[in-house]
């Protein structure tokens, strides 16, 4: 295990995803969301397939025992992607990023409901506090409902996208019981590209040269970011690298200010801090529980070797 390498890969992946989101915000003024979803997914297949070919894992990516499970994961994931992109077209970059931090908290709730995972009072308390932070983040957008319908729509899309992301993560957990990581990643990108293409009859536009370059870049950055994210977990435990995904807040604040002159409301920043704190506590608690489970397993395992 190489913790520093895993952390560096996680930070790089988060940075690339944030740049991708900024580019989505730029092209969303003219390019329909479905077209952006297609570009994000289709062009992401190129770096992904190149890596799989280099590793000789293409057969592992195509082989699946549960195609229906991939369809369910793909459907939920496409909804998350489409709603997230629709939110980026209506809200500042940092606001969408902050609301997206709700996903790990919602994953805890859905895991308890659908996977029957045992969630102790500490994590429930963290989820409750985190959801309180969500209310704080949404307040600047929802309180002015009569003045800005687009902001309300954007905040709603971002929150529902976070819920869909949590649902997709639950389905991924189910798939990992029988499916390889290359298969899970490949089938999602392929299904998302097909879903995006299916919207071609609803107002796709012919992009300009600059827009076409941005759309291709969105897909390539998304694909490379996905690869770096997956690789980060090869080098360090999830409890070590996952907290650095919250560096997205820093990148989104910087890019939002540089590219769009956006400064998020103070309540959004405060709410994001609350949600990040709650998320970090959940990650820390998961790590502690993992340590406790390993100790219990070691204590229950009889010693090997000749009897004394």
C-alpha atoms as a PDB file:
ATOM      1  CA  UNK A   1       0.000   0.000   0.000  1.00  0.00           C
ATOM      2  CA  UNK A   2       1.321   3.466  -0.941  1.00  0.00           C
ATOM      3  CA  UNK A   3      -0.863   5.975   0.889  1.00  0.00           C
ATOM      4  CA  UNK A   4       0.726   9.108  -0.555  1.00  0.00           C
ATOM      5  CA  UNK A   5       0.335   7.818  -4.110  1.00  0.00           C
ATOM      6  CA  UNK A   6      -3.310   6.946  -3.467  1.00  0.00           C
ATOM      7  CA  UNK A   7      -3.969  10.383  -1.992  1.00  0.00           C
ATOM      8  CA  UNK A   8      -2.242  12.122  -4.919  1.00  0.00           C
ATOM      9  CA  UNK A   9      -4.319  10.143  -7.430  1.00  0.00           C
ATOM     10  CA  UNK A  10      -7.532  10.998  -5.561  1.00  0.00           C
ATOM     11  CA  UNK A  11      -6.691  14.717  -5.539  1.00  0.00           C
ATOM     12  CA  UNK A  12      -5.797  14.646  -9.260  1.00  0.00           C
ATOM     13  CA  UNK A  13      -9.034  12.820 -10.086  1.00  0.00           C
ATOM     14  CA  UNK A  14     -11.053  15.330  -8.090  1.00  0.00           C
ATOM     15  CA  UNK A  15      -9.316  18.217  -9.843  1.00  0.00           C
ATOM     16  CA  UNK A  16     -10.059  16.751 -13.287  1.00  0.00           C
ATOM     17  CA  UNK A  17     -13.705  16.159 -12.388  1.00  0.00           C
ATOM     18  CA  UNK A  18     -14.004  19.764 -11.233  1.00  0.00           C
ATOM     19  CA  UNK A  19     -12.487  21.070 -14.479  1.00  0.00           C
ATOM     20  CA  UNK A  20     -14.934  18.822 -16.335  1.00  0.00           C
ATOM     21  CA  UNK A  21     -17.837  20.327 -14.379  1.00  0.00           C
ATOM     22  CA  UNK A  22     -16.634  23.839 -15.188  1.00  0.00           C
ATOM     23  CA  UNK A  23     -16.546  22.969 -18.895  1.00  0.00           C
ATOM     24  CA  UNK A  24     -20.046  21.506 -18.637  1.00  0.00           C
ATOM     25  CA  UNK A  25     -21.189  24.813 -17.162  1.00  0.00           C
ATOM     26  CA  UNK A  26     -19.639  26.651 -20.123  1.00  0.00           C
ATOM     27  CA  UNK A  27     -21.214  24.555 -22.899  1.00  0.00           C
ATOM     28  CA  UNK A  28     -24.597  24.229 -21.158  1.00  0.00           C
ATOM     29  CA  UNK A  29     -25.585  27.685 -22.391  1.00  0.00           C
ATOM     30  CA  UNK A  30     -26.150  26.243 -25.870  1.00  0.00           C
ATOM     31  CA  UNK A  31     -25.679  22.457 -25.883  1.00  0.00           C
ATOM     32  CA  UNK A  32     -28.605  20.343 -24.535  1.00  0.00           C
ATOM     33  CA  UNK A  33     -27.997  18.245 -21.431  1.00  0.00           C
ATOM     34  CA  UNK A  34     -28.549  14.942 -23.256  1.00  0.00           C
ATOM     35  CA  UNK A  35     -25.882  15.834 -25.791  1.00  0.00           C
ATOM     36  CA  UNK A  36     -23.460  16.677 -22.989  1.00  0.00           C
ATOM     37  CA  UNK A  37     -24.241  13.354 -21.259  1.00  0.00           C
ATOM     38  CA  UNK A  38     -23.487  11.498 -24.493  1.00  0.00           C
ATOM     39  CA  UNK A  39     -20.190  13.342 -24.988  1.00  0.00           C
ATOM     40  CA  UNK A  40     -19.147  12.844 -21.371  1.00  0.00           C
ATOM     41  CA  UNK A  41     -19.780   9.090 -21.597  1.00  0.00           C
ATOM     42  CA  UNK A  42     -18.798   8.266 -25.190  1.00  0.00           C
ATOM     43  CA  UNK A  43     -15.446  10.059 -25.242  1.00  0.00           C
ATOM     44  CA  UNK A  44     -14.638   8.709 -21.770  1.00  0.00           C
ATOM     45  CA  UNK A  45     -14.594   5.236 -23.323  1.00  0.00           C
ATOM     46  CA  UNK A  46     -11.428   6.021 -25.292  1.00  0.00           C
ATOM     47  CA  UNK A  47      -8.968   6.422 -22.363  1.00  0.00           C
ATOM     48  CA  UNK A  48     -10.802   3.651 -20.501  1.00  0.00           C
ATOM     49  CA  UNK A  49     -10.501   1.137 -23.350  1.00  0.00           C
ATOM     50  CA  UNK A  50      -6.870   2.152 -23.937  1.00  0.00           C
ATOM     51  CA  UNK A  51      -6.044   1.338 -20.308  1.00  0.00           C
ATOM     52  CA  UNK A  52      -7.964  -1.943 -20.400  1.00  0.00           C
ATOM     53  CA  UNK A  53      -6.217  -2.964 -23.622  1.00  0.00           C
ATOM     54  CA  UNK A  54      -2.816  -2.125 -22.129  1.00  0.00           C
ATOM     55  CA  UNK A  55      -3.604  -4.303 -19.100  1.00  0.00           C
ATOM     56  CA  UNK A  56      -5.226  -7.068 -21.122  1.00  0.00           C
ATOM     57  CA  UNK A  57      -8.505  -6.620 -19.239  1.00  0.00           C
ATOM     58  CA  UNK A  58     -10.923  -6.014 -22.115  1.00  0.00           C
ATOM     59  CA  UNK A  59     -12.406  -9.498 -21.773  1.00  0.00           C
ATOM     60  CA  UNK A  60     -12.916  -8.894 -18.050  1.00  0.00           C
ATOM     61  CA  UNK A  61     -14.689  -5.615 -18.835  1.00  0.00           C
ATOM     62  CA  UNK A  62     -17.080  -7.213 -21.307  1.00  0.00           C
ATOM     63  CA  UNK A  63     -17.806 -10.360 -19.313  1.00  0.00           C
ATOM     64  CA  UNK A  64     -20.786 -10.041 -16.959  1.00  0.00           C
ATOM     65  CA  UNK A  65     -23.050 -12.397 -15.052  1.00  0.00           C
ATOM     66  CA  UNK A  66     -25.694  -9.769 -14.270  1.00  0.00           C
ATOM     67  CA  UNK A  67     -26.512  -7.527 -17.256  1.00  0.00           C
ATOM     68  CA  UNK A  68     -29.748  -6.398 -15.594  1.00  0.00           C
ATOM     69  CA  UNK A  69     -27.767  -5.157 -12.596  1.00  0.00           C
ATOM     70  CA  UNK A  70     -25.653  -3.007 -14.907  1.00  0.00           C
ATOM     71  CA  UNK A  71     -28.793  -1.628 -16.549  1.00  0.00           C
ATOM     72  CA  UNK A  72     -30.189  -0.633 -13.147  1.00  0.00           C
ATOM     73  CA  UNK A  73     -26.880   0.971 -12.129  1.00  0.00           C
ATOM     74  CA  UNK A  74     -26.626   2.694 -15.511  1.00  0.00           C
ATOM     75  CA  UNK A  75     -30.157   4.076 -15.344  1.00  0.00           C
ATOM     76  CA  UNK A  76     -29.651   5.542 -11.882  1.00  0.00           C
ATOM     77  CA  UNK A  77     -26.196   6.845 -12.800  1.00  0.00           C
ATOM     78  CA  UNK A  78     -27.449   8.522 -15.976  1.00  0.00           C
ATOM     79  CA  UNK A  79     -30.173  10.253 -13.977  1.00  0.00           C
ATOM     80  CA  UNK A  80     -27.503  11.497 -11.547  1.00  0.00           C
ATOM     81  CA  UNK A  81     -25.297  12.721 -14.391  1.00  0.00           C
ATOM     82  CA  UNK A  82     -28.104  14.426 -16.311  1.00  0.00           C
ATOM     83  CA  UNK A  83     -29.539  16.142 -13.257  1.00  0.00           C
ATOM     84  CA  UNK A  84     -26.066  17.212 -12.133  1.00  0.00           C
ATOM     85  CA  UNK A  85     -25.368  18.756 -15.537  1.00  0.00           C
ATOM     86  CA  UNK A  86     -28.770  20.464 -15.508  1.00  0.00           C
ATOM     87  CA  UNK A  87     -27.914  21.908 -12.091  1.00  0.00           C
ATOM     88  CA  UNK A  88     -24.576  23.211 -13.401  1.00  0.00           C
ATOM     89  CA  UNK A  89     -26.453  25.125 -16.090  1.00  0.00           C
ATOM     90  CA  UNK A  90     -28.426  26.986 -13.394  1.00  0.00           C
ATOM     91  CA  UNK A  91     -26.234  27.317 -10.297  1.00  0.00           C
ATOM     92  CA  UNK A  92     -22.662  28.416  -9.527  1.00  0.00           C
ATOM     93  CA  UNK A  93     -20.049  25.664  -9.699  1.00  0.00           C
ATOM     94  CA  UNK A  94     -19.259  25.723  -5.969  1.00  0.00           C
ATOM     95  CA  UNK A  95     -22.950  25.482  -5.032  1.00  0.00           C
ATOM     96  CA  UNK A  96     -23.503  22.360  -7.131  1.00  0.00           C
ATOM     97  CA  UNK A  97     -20.307  20.821  -5.770  1.00  0.00           C
ATOM     98  CA  UNK A  98     -21.326  21.529  -2.178  1.00  0.00           C
ATOM     99  CA  UNK A  99     -24.805  20.053  -2.596  1.00  0.00           C
ATOM    100  CA  UNK A 100     -23.224  17.008  -4.230  1.00  0.00           C
ATOM    101  CA  UNK A 101     -21.429  16.264  -0.957  1.00  0.00           C
ATOM    102  CA  UNK A 102     -24.807  15.071   0.321  1.00  0.00           C
ATOM    103  CA  UNK A 103     -24.393  11.811  -1.623  1.00  0.00           C
ATOM    104  CA  UNK A 104     -22.175   9.957   0.905  1.00  0.00           C
ATOM    105  CA  UNK A 105     -24.622  10.785   3.709  1.00  0.00           C
ATOM    106  CA  UNK A 106     -27.587   9.571   1.680  1.00  0.00           C
ATOM    107  CA  UNK A 107     -25.633   6.403   0.864  1.00  0.00           C
ATOM    108  CA  UNK A 108     -25.618   5.572   4.583  1.00  0.00           C
ATOM    109  CA  UNK A 109     -29.404   5.894   4.691  1.00  0.00           C
ATOM    110  CA  UNK A 110     -29.963   3.813   1.556  1.00  0.00           C
ATOM    111  CA  UNK A 111     -27.494   1.151   2.707  1.00  0.00           C
ATOM    112  CA  UNK A 112     -29.500   0.724   5.899  1.00  0.00           C
ATOM    113  CA  UNK A 113     -32.758   0.417   3.933  1.00  0.00           C
ATOM    114  CA  UNK A 114     -31.763  -1.684   0.918  1.00  0.00           C
ATOM    115  CA  UNK A 115     -28.622  -3.541   2.016  1.00  0.00           C
ATOM    116  CA  UNK A 116     -29.763  -4.061   5.608  1.00  0.00           C
ATOM    117  CA  UNK A 117     -26.479  -2.659   6.856  1.00  0.00           C
ATOM    118  CA  UNK A 118     -26.333  -2.032  10.572  1.00  0.00           C
ATOM    119  CA  UNK A 119     -25.922   1.701  11.133  1.00  0.00           C
ATOM    120  CA  UNK A 120     -25.039   2.724  14.663  1.00  0.00           C
ATOM    121  CA  UNK A 121     -26.207   5.854  16.439  1.00  0.00           C
ATOM    122  CA  UNK A 122     -22.938   7.707  15.730  1.00  0.00           C
ATOM    123  CA  UNK A 123     -23.420   7.548  11.984  1.00  0.00           C
ATOM    124  CA  UNK A 124     -27.125   8.385  12.231  1.00  0.00           C
ATOM    125  CA  UNK A 125     -26.171  11.462  14.252  1.00  0.00           C
ATOM    126  CA  UNK A 126     -23.618  12.461  11.605  1.00  0.00           C
ATOM    127  CA  UNK A 127     -26.182  11.991   8.829  1.00  0.00           C
ATOM    128  CA  UNK A 128     -28.708  14.128  10.736  1.00  0.00           C
ATOM    129  CA  UNK A 129     -26.181  16.919  11.250  1.00  0.00           C
ATOM    130  CA  UNK A 130     -25.096  16.687   7.614  1.00  0.00           C
ATOM    131  CA  UNK A 131     -28.653  16.947   6.341  1.00  0.00           C
ATOM    132  CA  UNK A 132     -29.038  20.017   8.531  1.00  0.00           C
ATOM    133  CA  UNK A 133     -26.068  21.446   6.632  1.00  0.00           C
ATOM    134  CA  UNK A 134     -27.917  20.706   3.386  1.00  0.00           C
ATOM    135  CA  UNK A 135     -30.826  22.833   4.564  1.00  0.00           C
ATOM    136  CA  UNK A 136     -28.384  25.658   5.300  1.00  0.00           C
ATOM    137  CA  UNK A 137     -26.861  25.327   1.805  1.00  0.00           C
ATOM    138  CA  UNK A 138     -30.222  25.282   0.057  1.00  0.00           C
ATOM    139  CA  UNK A 139     -31.687  28.204   1.978  1.00  0.00           C
ATOM    140  CA  UNK A 140     -30.184  31.007  -0.189  1.00  0.00           C
ATOM    141  CA  UNK A 141     -31.684  29.382  -3.292  1.00  0.00           C
ATOM    142  CA  UNK A 142     -35.030  28.259  -1.914  1.00  0.00           C
ATOM    143  CA  UNK A 143     -35.792  31.413   0.082  1.00  0.00           C
ATOM    144  CA  UNK A 144     -35.916  33.477  -3.100  1.00  0.00           C
ATOM    145  CA  UNK A 145     -38.235  31.081  -4.909  1.00  0.00           C
ATOM    146  CA  UNK A 146     -40.458  33.797  -6.382  1.00  0.00           C
ATOM    147  CA  UNK A 147     -37.482  35.762  -7.693  1.00  0.00           C
ATOM    148  CA  UNK A 148     -35.456  32.980  -9.257  1.00  0.00           C
ATOM    149  CA  UNK A 149     -37.241  29.863 -10.491  1.00  0.00           C
ATOM    150  CA  UNK A 150     -34.043  28.760 -12.230  1.00  0.00           C
ATOM    151  CA  UNK A 151     -32.133  28.760  -8.944  1.00  0.00           C
ATOM    152  CA  UNK A 152     -34.815  26.661  -7.280  1.00  0.00           C
ATOM    153  CA  UNK A 153     -34.749  24.234 -10.195  1.00  0.00           C
ATOM    154  CA  UNK A 154     -30.958  24.095 -10.062  1.00  0.00           C
ATOM    155  CA  UNK A 155     -30.888  23.405  -6.325  1.00  0.00           C
ATOM    156  CA  UNK A 156     -33.585  20.739  -6.707  1.00  0.00           C
ATOM    157  CA  UNK A 157     -31.739  19.079  -9.583  1.00  0.00           C
ATOM    158  CA  UNK A 158     -28.481  19.076  -7.605  1.00  0.00           C
ATOM    159  CA  UNK A 159     -30.114  17.521  -4.545  1.00  0.00           C
ATOM    160  CA  UNK A 160     -31.945  14.830  -6.531  1.00  0.00           C
ATOM    161  CA  UNK A 161     -28.704  14.143  -8.419  1.00  0.00           C
ATOM    162  CA  UNK A 162     -26.985  13.532  -5.067  1.00  0.00           C
ATOM    163  CA  UNK A 163     -29.759  11.091  -4.162  1.00  0.00           C
ATOM    164  CA  UNK A 164     -29.324   9.276  -7.473  1.00  0.00           C
ATOM    165  CA  UNK A 165     -25.570   9.142  -6.931  1.00  0.00           C
ATOM    166  CA  UNK A 166     -26.173   7.502  -3.557  1.00  0.00           C
ATOM    167  CA  UNK A 167     -28.535   5.019  -5.202  1.00  0.00           C
ATOM    168  CA  UNK A 168     -25.942   4.232  -7.861  1.00  0.00           C
ATOM    169  CA  UNK A 169     -23.346   3.572  -5.155  1.00  0.00           C
ATOM    170  CA  UNK A 170     -25.700   1.099  -3.473  1.00  0.00           C
ATOM    171  CA  UNK A 171     -26.122  -0.727  -6.778  1.00  0.00           C
ATOM    172  CA  UNK A 172     -22.348  -0.716  -7.297  1.00  0.00           C
ATOM    173  CA  UNK A 173     -21.929  -2.390  -3.903  1.00  0.00           C
ATOM    174  CA  UNK A 174     -24.304  -5.117  -5.051  1.00  0.00           C
ATOM    175  CA  UNK A 175     -22.485  -5.549  -8.347  1.00  0.00           C
ATOM    176  CA  UNK A 176     -19.059  -5.883  -6.709  1.00  0.00           C
ATOM    177  CA  UNK A 177     -20.185  -9.205  -5.255  1.00  0.00           C
ATOM    178  CA  UNK A 178     -20.010 -10.809  -8.705  1.00  0.00           C
ATOM    179  CA  UNK A 179     -18.692  -8.219 -11.193  1.00  0.00           C
ATOM    180  CA  UNK A 180     -15.189  -6.915 -11.835  1.00  0.00           C
ATOM    181  CA  UNK A 181     -14.342  -3.226 -11.541  1.00  0.00           C
ATOM    182  CA  UNK A 182     -13.560  -2.931 -15.297  1.00  0.00           C
ATOM    183  CA  UNK A 183     -17.000  -4.379 -16.105  1.00  0.00           C
ATOM    184  CA  UNK A 184     -18.800  -1.983 -13.758  1.00  0.00           C
ATOM    185  CA  UNK A 185     -17.005   1.057 -15.194  1.00  0.00           C
ATOM    186  CA  UNK A 186     -17.263  -0.037 -18.844  1.00  0.00           C
ATOM    187  CA  UNK A 187     -20.950  -0.890 -18.817  1.00  0.00           C
ATOM    188  CA  UNK A 188     -21.860   2.345 -17.067  1.00  0.00           C
ATOM    189  CA  UNK A 189     -20.017   4.486 -19.611  1.00  0.00           C
ATOM    190  CA  UNK A 190     -21.468   2.494 -22.525  1.00  0.00           C
ATOM    191  CA  UNK A 191     -25.042   2.601 -21.194  1.00  0.00           C
ATOM    192  CA  UNK A 192     -24.764   6.308 -20.376  1.00  0.00           C
ATOM    193  CA  UNK A 193     -23.555   7.004 -23.933  1.00  0.00           C
ATOM    194  CA  UNK A 194     -26.526   5.093 -25.360  1.00  0.00           C
ATOM    195  CA  UNK A 195     -28.924   6.935 -23.045  1.00  0.00           C
ATOM    196  CA  UNK A 196     -27.460  10.284 -24.052  1.00  0.00           C
ATOM    197  CA  UNK A 197     -27.668   9.372 -27.734  1.00  0.00           C
ATOM    198  CA  UNK A 198     -31.335   8.443 -27.289  1.00  0.00           C
ATOM    199  CA  UNK A 199     -32.080  12.119 -26.581  1.00  0.00           C
ATOM    200  CA  UNK A 200     -30.870  13.184 -30.049  1.00  0.00           C
ATOM    201  CA  UNK A 201     -34.449  13.696 -31.201  1.00  0.00           C
ATOM    202  CA  UNK A 202     -35.072  16.277 -28.464  1.00  0.00           C
ATOM    203  CA  UNK A 203     -33.214  19.303 -29.771  1.00  0.00           C
ATOM    204  CA  UNK A 204     -29.558  18.381 -30.226  1.00  0.00           C
ATOM    205  CA  UNK A 205     -27.503  21.123 -31.863  1.00  0.00           C
ATOM    206  CA  UNK A 206     -24.536  21.059 -34.209  1.00  0.00           C
ATOM    207  CA  UNK A 207     -21.706  22.326 -31.986  1.00  0.00           C
ATOM    208  CA  UNK A 208     -19.239  24.917 -33.164  1.00  0.00           C
ATOM    209  CA  UNK A 209     -15.588  23.922 -33.405  1.00  0.00           C
ATOM    210  CA  UNK A 210     -14.842  25.334 -29.949  1.00  0.00           C
ATOM    211  CA  UNK A 211     -17.902  23.638 -28.454  1.00  0.00           C
ATOM    212  CA  UNK A 212     -16.947  20.332 -30.073  1.00  0.00           C
ATOM    213  CA  UNK A 213     -13.480  20.589 -28.564  1.00  0.00           C
ATOM    214  CA  UNK A 214     -15.010  21.264 -25.155  1.00  0.00           C
ATOM    215  CA  UNK A 215     -17.386  18.305 -25.466  1.00  0.00           C
ATOM    216  CA  UNK A 216     -14.551  15.936 -26.386  1.00  0.00           C
ATOM    217  CA  UNK A 217     -12.452  17.343 -23.537  1.00  0.00           C
ATOM    218  CA  UNK A 218     -15.313  16.817 -21.080  1.00  0.00           C
ATOM    219  CA  UNK A 219     -15.445  13.139 -22.002  1.00  0.00           C
ATOM    220  CA  UNK A 220     -11.696  12.574 -21.974  1.00  0.00           C
ATOM    221  CA  UNK A 221     -11.264  14.347 -18.618  1.00  0.00           C
ATOM    222  CA  UNK A 222     -14.131  12.325 -17.182  1.00  0.00           C
ATOM    223  CA  UNK A 223     -12.574   9.086 -18.408  1.00  0.00           C
ATOM    224  CA  UNK A 224      -9.103   9.907 -17.102  1.00  0.00           C
ATOM    225  CA  UNK A 225     -10.585  11.108 -13.822  1.00  0.00           C
ATOM    226  CA  UNK A 226     -12.456   7.817 -13.436  1.00  0.00           C
ATOM    227  CA  UNK A 227      -9.258   5.864 -14.061  1.00  0.00           C
ATOM    228  CA  UNK A 228      -7.281   7.915 -11.513  1.00  0.00           C
ATOM    229  CA  UNK A 229     -10.084   7.578  -8.975  1.00  0.00           C
ATOM    230  CA  UNK A 230     -10.161   3.793  -9.383  1.00  0.00           C
ATOM    231  CA  UNK A 231      -6.379   3.593  -9.208  1.00  0.00           C
ATOM    232  CA  UNK A 232      -6.287   5.613  -5.972  1.00  0.00           C
ATOM    233  CA  UNK A 233      -8.082   2.775  -4.191  1.00  0.00           C
ATOM    234  CA  UNK A 234      -5.455   0.297  -5.383  1.00  0.00           C
ATOM    235  CA  UNK A 235      -2.765   2.079  -3.396  1.00  0.00           C
ATOM    236  CA  UNK A 236      -4.513   2.974  -0.142  1.00  0.00           C
ATOM    237  CA  UNK A 237      -7.650   2.067   1.836  1.00  0.00           C
ATOM    238  CA  UNK A 238     -10.857   3.960   1.091  1.00  0.00           C
ATOM    239  CA  UNK A 239     -10.772   5.479   4.576  1.00  0.00           C
ATOM    240  CA  UNK A 240      -7.431   7.105   3.696  1.00  0.00           C
ATOM    241  CA  UNK A 241      -8.127   8.468   0.208  1.00  0.00           C
ATOM    242  CA  UNK A 242     -11.884   9.207   0.355  1.00  0.00           C
ATOM    243  CA  UNK A 243     -11.580  12.338   2.551  1.00  0.00           C
ATOM    244  CA  UNK A 244      -9.493  14.015  -0.148  1.00  0.00           C
ATOM    245  CA  UNK A 245     -12.477  13.947  -2.503  1.00  0.00           C
ATOM    246  CA  UNK A 246     -13.661  16.962  -0.520  1.00  0.00           C
ATOM    247  CA  UNK A 247     -10.823  18.940  -2.106  1.00  0.00           C
ATOM    248  CA  UNK A 248     -13.413  19.437  -4.867  1.00  0.00           C
ATOM    249  CA  UNK A 249     -14.782  22.320  -2.785  1.00  0.00           C
ATOM    250  CA  UNK A 250     -11.466  24.147  -2.995  1.00  0.00           C
ATOM    251  CA  UNK A 251     -11.113  23.539  -6.750  1.00  0.00           C
ATOM    252  CA  UNK A 252     -14.704  24.607  -7.434  1.00  0.00           C
ATOM    253  CA  UNK A 253     -14.279  27.821  -5.444  1.00  0.00           C
ATOM    254  CA  UNK A 254     -11.097  28.676  -7.360  1.00  0.00           C
ATOM    255  CA  UNK A 255     -12.411  27.764 -10.810  1.00  0.00           C
ATOM    256  CA  UNK A 256     -15.785  29.376 -10.130  1.00  0.00           C
ATOM    257  CA  UNK A 257     -14.096  32.638  -9.212  1.00  0.00           C
ATOM    258  CA  UNK A 258     -11.516  32.564 -12.047  1.00  0.00           C
ATOM    259  CA  UNK A 259     -13.811  31.441 -14.876  1.00  0.00           C
ATOM    260  CA  UNK A 260     -17.201  32.844 -13.869  1.00  0.00           C
ATOM    261  CA  UNK A 261     -16.450  35.477 -11.185  1.00  0.00           C
ATOM    262  CA  UNK A 262     -18.686  33.467  -8.836  1.00  0.00           C
ATOM    263  CA  UNK A 263     -18.579  33.948  -5.072  1.00  0.00           C
ATOM    264  CA  UNK A 264     -20.927  31.571  -3.224  1.00  0.00           C
ATOM    265  CA  UNK A 265     -23.178  32.953  -0.473  1.00  0.00           C
ATOM    266  CA  UNK A 266     -21.825  32.633   3.062  1.00  0.00           C
ATOM    267  CA  UNK A 267     -24.634  30.205   3.987  1.00  0.00           C
ATOM    268  CA  UNK A 268     -23.572  27.855   1.189  1.00  0.00           C
ATOM    269  CA  UNK A 269     -20.001  27.815   2.510  1.00  0.00           C
ATOM    270  CA  UNK A 270     -21.183  27.247   6.098  1.00  0.00           C
ATOM    271  CA  UNK A 271     -23.556  24.485   5.002  1.00  0.00           C
ATOM    272  CA  UNK A 272     -20.826  22.855   2.927  1.00  0.00           C
ATOM    273  CA  UNK A 273     -18.489  22.899   5.943  1.00  0.00           C
ATOM    274  CA  UNK A 274     -21.164  21.162   8.038  1.00  0.00           C
ATOM    275  CA  UNK A 275     -21.783  18.509   5.376  1.00  0.00           C
ATOM    276  CA  UNK A 276     -18.048  17.926   4.851  1.00  0.00           C
ATOM    277  CA  UNK A 277     -17.539  17.571   8.611  1.00  0.00           C
ATOM    278  CA  UNK A 278     -20.367  15.050   8.821  1.00  0.00           C
ATOM    279  CA  UNK A 279     -19.019  13.147   5.824  1.00  0.00           C
ATOM    280  CA  UNK A 280     -15.530  12.988   7.297  1.00  0.00           C
ATOM    281  CA  UNK A 281     -16.965  11.674  10.561  1.00  0.00           C
ATOM    282  CA  UNK A 282     -18.820   8.920   8.676  1.00  0.00           C
ATOM    283  CA  UNK A 283     -15.588   7.939   6.888  1.00  0.00           C
ATOM    284  CA  UNK A 284     -13.669   7.933  10.184  1.00  0.00           C
ATOM    285  CA  UNK A 285     -16.371   5.863  11.859  1.00  0.00           C
ATOM    286  CA  UNK A 286     -16.352   3.352   8.974  1.00  0.00           C
ATOM    287  CA  UNK A 287     -12.596   2.997   9.453  1.00  0.00           C
ATOM    288  CA  UNK A 288     -12.971   2.402  13.178  1.00  0.00           C
ATOM    289  CA  UNK A 289     -15.644  -0.227  12.599  1.00  0.00           C
ATOM    290  CA  UNK A 290     -13.412  -1.918  10.032  1.00  0.00           C
ATOM    291  CA  UNK A 291     -10.571  -2.086  12.566  1.00  0.00           C
ATOM    292  CA  UNK A 292     -12.936  -3.498  15.197  1.00  0.00           C
ATOM    293  CA  UNK A 293     -14.252  -6.155  12.806  1.00  0.00           C
ATOM    294  CA  UNK A 294     -10.727  -7.248  11.884  1.00  0.00           C
ATOM    295  CA  UNK A 295      -9.796  -7.574  15.548  1.00  0.00           C
ATOM    296  CA  UNK A 296     -12.884  -9.665  16.220  1.00  0.00           C
ATOM    297  CA  UNK A 297     -12.097 -11.919  13.247  1.00  0.00           C
ATOM    298  CA  UNK A 298      -8.493 -12.329  14.389  1.00  0.00           C
ATOM    299  CA  UNK A 299      -9.634 -13.135  17.936  1.00  0.00           C
ATOM    300  CA  UNK A 300     -12.087 -15.734  16.629  1.00  0.00           C
ATOM    301  CA  UNK A 301      -9.505 -17.417  14.359  1.00  0.00           C
ATOM    302  CA  UNK A 302      -7.684 -20.306  16.087  1.00  0.00           C
ATOM    303  CA  UNK A 303      -3.879 -20.044  16.091  1.00  0.00           C
ATOM    304  CA  UNK A 304      -2.079 -21.996  13.377  1.00  0.00           C
ATOM    305  CA  UNK A 305       0.952 -24.204  13.837  1.00  0.00           C
ATOM    306  CA  UNK A 306       1.699 -27.151  16.131  1.00  0.00           C
ATOM    307  CA  UNK A 307      -0.238 -27.405  19.360  1.00  0.00           C
ATOM    308  CA  UNK A 308       1.620 -26.374  22.486  1.00  0.00           C
END
